[in-house]
C-alpha atoms as a PDB file:
ATOM      1  CA  MET A   1      17.696  18.586  26.814  1.00  0.00           C
ATOM      2  CA  ASN A   2      16.858  15.179  25.463  1.00  0.00           C
ATOM      3  CA  LEU A   3      14.742  13.865  22.757  1.00  0.00           C
ATOM      4  CA  ASP A   4      11.443  11.925  23.646  1.00  0.00           C
ATOM      5  CA  LEU A   5      11.929   8.615  21.959  1.00  0.00           C
ATOM      6  CA  LYS A   6       8.789   7.037  23.181  1.00  0.00           C
ATOM      7  CA  PHE A   7       6.794   9.643  21.809  1.00  0.00           C
ATOM      8  CA  ILE A   8       8.087   9.861  18.491  1.00  0.00           C
ATOM      9  CA  LYS A   9       7.621   5.857  18.387  1.00  0.00           C
ATOM     10  CA  THR A  10       4.071   6.135  20.048  1.00  0.00           C
ATOM     11  CA  LYS A  11       3.544   8.634  17.152  1.00  0.00           C
ATOM     12  CA  ARG A  12       4.147   6.547  14.643  1.00  0.00           C
ATOM     13  CA  LYS A  13       2.715   3.805  15.507  1.00  0.00           C
ATOM     14  CA  GLU A  14      -0.982   5.824  15.744  1.00  0.00           C
ATOM     15  CA  LYS A  15       0.096   6.842  12.124  1.00  0.00           C
ATOM     16  CA  GLY A  16      -0.130   3.416  11.406  1.00  0.00           C
ATOM     17  CA  TYR A  17       3.878   4.398   9.495  1.00  0.00           C
ATOM     18  CA  SER A  18       6.181   1.359   9.260  1.00  0.00           C
ATOM     19  CA  LEU A  19       9.568   1.831  10.082  1.00  0.00           C
ATOM     20  CA  GLN A  20      10.074   1.899   5.762  1.00  0.00           C
ATOM     21  CA  TYR A  21       8.061   4.275   5.730  1.00  0.00           C
ATOM     22  CA  MET A  22       9.914   6.203   8.039  1.00  0.00           C
ATOM     23  CA  ALA A  23      13.184   5.370   6.728  1.00  0.00           C
ATOM     24  CA  LYS A  24      12.156   6.685   3.298  1.00  0.00           C
ATOM     25  CA  ALA A  25      10.261   9.734   4.673  1.00  0.00           C
ATOM     26  CA  LEU A  26      13.602  10.811   6.182  1.00  0.00           C
ATOM     27  CA  GLY A  27      15.824   9.905   3.568  1.00  0.00           C
ATOM     28  CA  LEU A  28      17.413   7.393   5.062  1.00  0.00           C
ATOM     29  CA  SER A  29      18.447   4.112   3.758  1.00  0.00           C
ATOM     30  CA  ASN A  30      16.646   1.076   5.010  1.00  0.00           C
ATOM     31  CA  ALA A  31      14.247   0.918   8.296  1.00  0.00           C
ATOM     32  CA  SER A  32      16.925  -0.665  10.183  1.00  0.00           C
ATOM     33  CA  GLN A  33      18.667   2.534   9.866  1.00  0.00           C
ATOM     34  CA  TYR A  34      15.287   4.530  11.087  1.00  0.00           C
ATOM     35  CA  TYR A  35      14.980   1.862  14.185  1.00  0.00           C
ATOM     36  CA  LYS A  36      18.487   2.766  15.275  1.00  0.00           C
ATOM     37  CA  TYR A  37      17.218   6.761  15.733  1.00  0.00           C
ATOM     38  CA  GLU A  38      14.020   5.861  17.254  1.00  0.00           C
ATOM     39  CA  ILE A  39      15.598   3.482  20.089  1.00  0.00           C
ATOM     40  CA  GLY A  40      18.457   6.066  20.623  1.00  0.00           C
ATOM     41  CA  TYR A  41      21.223   4.080  19.486  1.00  0.00           C
ATOM     42  CA  TYR A  42      21.407   6.895  16.718  1.00  0.00           C
ATOM     43  CA  LYS A  43      21.146  10.800  17.503  1.00  0.00           C
ATOM     44  CA  LEU A  44      18.524  12.285  15.785  1.00  0.00           C
ATOM     45  CA  LYS A  45      19.795  15.490  13.881  1.00  0.00           C
ATOM     46  CA  ALA A  46      18.591  18.889  14.400  1.00  0.00           C
ATOM     47  CA  ASP A  47      17.786  18.966  10.771  1.00  0.00           C
ATOM     48  CA  MET A  48      15.666  16.109  10.978  1.00  0.00           C
ATOM     49  CA  LEU A  49      13.344  17.315  13.135  1.00  0.00           C
ATOM     50  CA  PRO A  50      11.260  19.639  11.196  1.00  0.00           C
ATOM     51  CA  LEU A  51      10.662  16.892   8.632  1.00  0.00           C
ATOM     52  CA  LEU A  52      10.020  14.292  11.369  1.00  0.00           C
ATOM     53  CA  ALA A  53       7.507  16.869  13.064  1.00  0.00           C
ATOM     54  CA  LYS A  54       5.695  17.385   9.563  1.00  0.00           C
ATOM     55  CA  ILE A  55       5.058  13.598   8.757  1.00  0.00           C
ATOM     56  CA  LEU A  56       3.799  13.092  12.227  1.00  0.00           C
ATOM     57  CA  ASN A  57       1.967  15.808  12.395  1.00  0.00           C
ATOM     58  CA  CYS A  58       3.134  17.287  15.630  1.00  0.00           C
ATOM     59  CA  ASN A  59       5.475  20.470  16.789  1.00  0.00           C
ATOM     60  CA  ILE A  60       9.056  20.250  17.614  1.00  0.00           C
ATOM     61  CA  GLU A  61       8.495  21.077  21.108  1.00  0.00           C
ATOM     62  CA  ASN A  62       6.492  17.807  21.575  1.00  0.00           C
ATOM     63  CA  PHE A  63       9.885  15.810  21.293  1.00  0.00           C
ATOM     64  CA  PHE A  64      11.767  16.725  24.236  1.00  0.00           C
ATOM     65  CA  ILE A  65      11.223  16.586  27.642  1.00  0.00           C
END
């Protein structure tokens, strides 16, 4: 299964969350690091998905294509 990174980006923007906000919420060091996950440069880890779903107020299943 592949992650739907476009869905994640769209949900973040709908919520009005900045890259920096997402980075802090996920315990990452900075916005640039989060951005690399969002564009697929880094792979999101399985243990990050439940927290990401909570932040974006959606189900983990929504993340997969």
